[in-house]
N, C-alpha and C. Protein backbone atom coordinates (compact mmCIF):
# COMPACT_ATOMS: atom_id res chain seq x y z
N MET A 1 6.05 -17.80 10.43
CA MET A 1 5.73 -16.68 11.30
C MET A 1 6.26 -15.37 10.63
N ARG A 2 7.41 -15.46 10.04
CA ARG A 2 8.04 -14.27 9.41
C ARG A 2 7.18 -13.79 8.25
N VAL A 3 6.67 -14.67 7.43
CA VAL A 3 5.83 -14.30 6.30
C VAL A 3 4.53 -13.72 6.77
N ARG A 4 3.96 -14.34 7.80
CA ARG A 4 2.68 -13.87 8.31
C ARG A 4 2.86 -12.42 8.89
N ARG A 5 3.98 -12.16 9.58
CA ARG A 5 4.22 -10.81 10.14
C ARG A 5 4.37 -9.80 8.99
N LEU A 6 5.01 -10.18 7.89
CA LEU A 6 5.20 -9.30 6.75
C LEU A 6 3.86 -8.98 6.11
N ILE A 7 3.04 -10.01 5.94
CA ILE A 7 1.70 -9.81 5.37
C ILE A 7 0.85 -8.89 6.22
N GLU A 8 0.85 -9.12 7.49
CA GLU A 8 0.05 -8.30 8.41
C GLU A 8 0.58 -6.89 8.47
N THR A 9 1.87 -6.70 8.32
CA THR A 9 2.45 -5.35 8.27
C THR A 9 1.96 -4.59 7.02
N VAL A 10 2.03 -5.26 5.87
CA VAL A 10 1.59 -4.65 4.63
C VAL A 10 0.12 -4.32 4.69
N ILE A 11 -0.68 -5.21 5.18
CA ILE A 11 -2.12 -4.95 5.26
C ILE A 11 -2.38 -3.75 6.26
N GLY A 12 -1.65 -3.75 7.32
CA GLY A 12 -1.79 -2.63 8.24
C GLY A 12 -1.39 -1.28 7.60
N GLN A 13 -0.35 -1.26 6.80
CA GLN A 13 0.07 -0.05 6.11
C GLN A 13 -1.03 0.36 5.11
N LEU A 14 -1.55 -0.59 4.39
CA LEU A 14 -2.62 -0.25 3.40
C LEU A 14 -3.83 0.33 4.08
N VAL A 15 -4.19 -0.28 5.21
CA VAL A 15 -5.38 0.19 5.95
C VAL A 15 -5.12 1.62 6.46
N GLU A 16 -3.96 1.82 7.09
CA GLU A 16 -3.64 3.09 7.71
C GLU A 16 -3.43 4.19 6.66
N ARG A 17 -2.60 3.93 5.69
CA ARG A 17 -2.21 4.98 4.73
C ARG A 17 -3.25 5.30 3.65
N PHE A 18 -3.90 4.26 3.15
CA PHE A 18 -4.84 4.44 2.01
C PHE A 18 -6.32 4.26 2.38
N SER A 19 -6.63 4.07 3.67
CA SER A 19 -8.03 3.95 4.07
C SER A 19 -8.68 2.84 3.27
N ILE A 20 -8.02 1.71 3.13
CA ILE A 20 -8.54 0.65 2.25
C ILE A 20 -9.85 0.02 2.77
N GLU A 21 -10.09 0.12 4.08
CA GLU A 21 -11.31 -0.47 4.58
C GLU A 21 -12.52 0.40 4.29
N LYS A 22 -12.36 1.62 3.82
CA LYS A 22 -13.48 2.55 3.56
C LYS A 22 -13.61 2.82 2.04
N VAL A 23 -13.65 1.75 1.26
CA VAL A 23 -13.81 1.90 -0.16
C VAL A 23 -15.29 1.79 -0.52
N TRP A 24 -15.87 2.89 -0.97
CA TRP A 24 -17.29 2.90 -1.30
C TRP A 24 -17.39 2.75 -2.83
N ALA A 25 -17.51 1.56 -3.27
CA ALA A 25 -17.58 1.23 -4.70
C ALA A 25 -19.01 0.96 -5.12
N ARG A 26 -19.34 1.31 -6.34
CA ARG A 26 -20.69 1.08 -6.84
C ARG A 26 -20.92 -0.36 -7.30
N ASP A 27 -19.86 -0.97 -7.78
CA ASP A 27 -19.91 -2.36 -8.21
C ASP A 27 -18.58 -3.07 -8.12
N LEU A 28 -18.53 -4.29 -8.46
CA LEU A 28 -17.29 -5.08 -8.29
C LEU A 28 -16.16 -4.51 -9.15
N TRP A 29 -16.49 -4.04 -10.31
CA TRP A 29 -15.37 -3.45 -11.18
C TRP A 29 -14.69 -2.31 -10.48
N HIS A 30 -15.46 -1.35 -9.97
CA HIS A 30 -14.87 -0.21 -9.29
C HIS A 30 -14.13 -0.60 -8.00
N LEU A 31 -14.70 -1.55 -7.31
CA LEU A 31 -13.99 -2.03 -6.08
C LEU A 31 -12.63 -2.66 -6.41
N THR A 32 -12.57 -3.54 -7.35
CA THR A 32 -11.33 -4.15 -7.72
C THR A 32 -10.34 -3.14 -8.30
N SER A 33 -10.83 -2.18 -9.04
CA SER A 33 -9.99 -1.17 -9.63
C SER A 33 -9.34 -0.31 -8.56
N ARG A 34 -10.14 0.08 -7.58
CA ARG A 34 -9.61 0.95 -6.49
C ARG A 34 -8.63 0.16 -5.63
N ILE A 35 -8.88 -1.08 -5.30
CA ILE A 35 -7.94 -1.86 -4.51
C ILE A 35 -6.65 -2.12 -5.30
N ASN A 36 -6.76 -2.41 -6.56
CA ASN A 36 -5.58 -2.60 -7.37
C ASN A 36 -4.71 -1.34 -7.44
N ARG A 37 -5.31 -0.19 -7.58
CA ARG A 37 -4.56 1.07 -7.58
C ARG A 37 -3.80 1.30 -6.26
N LYS A 38 -4.48 0.99 -5.18
CA LYS A 38 -3.84 1.15 -3.89
C LYS A 38 -2.72 0.17 -3.62
N LEU A 39 -2.90 -1.09 -4.10
CA LEU A 39 -1.82 -2.02 -4.02
C LEU A 39 -0.65 -1.67 -4.91
N LEU A 40 -0.95 -1.15 -6.07
CA LEU A 40 0.15 -0.69 -6.96
C LEU A 40 0.89 0.43 -6.38
N ALA A 41 0.18 1.44 -5.77
CA ALA A 41 0.86 2.50 -5.12
C ALA A 41 1.81 2.04 -3.98
N HIS A 42 1.33 1.08 -3.23
CA HIS A 42 2.14 0.51 -2.12
C HIS A 42 3.38 -0.17 -2.70
N THR A 43 3.20 -0.93 -3.78
CA THR A 43 4.27 -1.70 -4.39
C THR A 43 5.33 -0.73 -4.97
N VAL A 44 4.89 0.33 -5.63
CA VAL A 44 5.81 1.29 -6.20
C VAL A 44 6.59 2.02 -5.10
N CYS A 45 5.89 2.35 -4.01
CA CYS A 45 6.67 3.02 -2.91
C CYS A 45 7.69 2.06 -2.30
N ARG A 46 7.32 0.80 -2.15
CA ARG A 46 8.32 -0.17 -1.64
C ARG A 46 9.49 -0.35 -2.59
N TRP A 47 9.21 -0.34 -3.89
CA TRP A 47 10.26 -0.49 -4.90
C TRP A 47 11.17 0.73 -4.87
N LEU A 48 10.58 1.96 -4.79
CA LEU A 48 11.39 3.15 -4.74
C LEU A 48 12.24 3.17 -3.44
N ASN A 49 11.68 2.68 -2.35
CA ASN A 49 12.44 2.68 -1.11
C ASN A 49 13.59 1.70 -1.17
N ARG A 50 13.39 0.55 -1.79
CA ARG A 50 14.44 -0.49 -1.88
C ARG A 50 15.56 -0.02 -2.84
N HIS A 51 15.21 0.71 -3.91
CA HIS A 51 16.23 1.10 -4.89
C HIS A 51 16.75 2.53 -4.71
N SER A 52 16.40 3.13 -3.66
CA SER A 52 16.87 4.51 -3.38
C SER A 52 18.25 4.42 -2.71
N PRO A 53 19.12 5.38 -3.10
CA PRO A 53 20.47 5.37 -2.43
C PRO A 53 20.33 5.69 -0.96
N ASN A 54 19.38 6.46 -0.57
CA ASN A 54 19.11 6.78 0.89
C ASN A 54 17.71 6.29 1.19
N PRO A 55 17.55 5.06 1.72
CA PRO A 55 16.22 4.54 1.97
C PRO A 55 15.40 5.50 2.84
N LEU A 56 14.18 5.71 2.43
CA LEU A 56 13.31 6.62 3.13
C LEU A 56 12.27 5.82 3.92
N GLN A 57 11.60 6.50 4.77
CA GLN A 57 10.48 5.91 5.46
C GLN A 57 9.25 5.92 4.55
N PHE A 58 8.34 4.99 4.74
CA PHE A 58 7.15 4.88 3.87
C PHE A 58 6.34 6.19 3.89
N GLU A 59 6.22 6.82 5.04
CA GLU A 59 5.43 8.05 5.09
C GLU A 59 6.05 9.19 4.23
N GLN A 60 7.35 9.20 4.15
CA GLN A 60 8.00 10.23 3.31
C GLN A 60 7.79 9.93 1.83
N LEU A 61 7.78 8.70 1.43
CA LEU A 61 7.59 8.33 0.07
C LEU A 61 6.16 8.72 -0.39
N VAL A 62 5.19 8.44 0.47
CA VAL A 62 3.82 8.73 0.12
C VAL A 62 3.58 10.27 0.10
N ALA A 63 4.26 11.04 1.03
CA ALA A 63 4.08 12.45 1.09
C ALA A 63 4.69 13.20 -0.13
N GLU A 64 5.71 12.67 -0.72
CA GLU A 64 6.36 13.38 -1.83
C GLU A 64 5.63 13.29 -3.10
């Protein structure tokens, strides 16, 4: 249950912050490229938040 809640939270953040459900790609290559970039951005923000001396909220990391 804990893992499922974490996965649903991450998916919810991706949908809300990066509009991942509205990716208009011309082909499979562009679709996977855009999704990978959005996942990488989310991962980097989480890493920065975890290694920051003053943990920030996700919205603040994306806004900066």
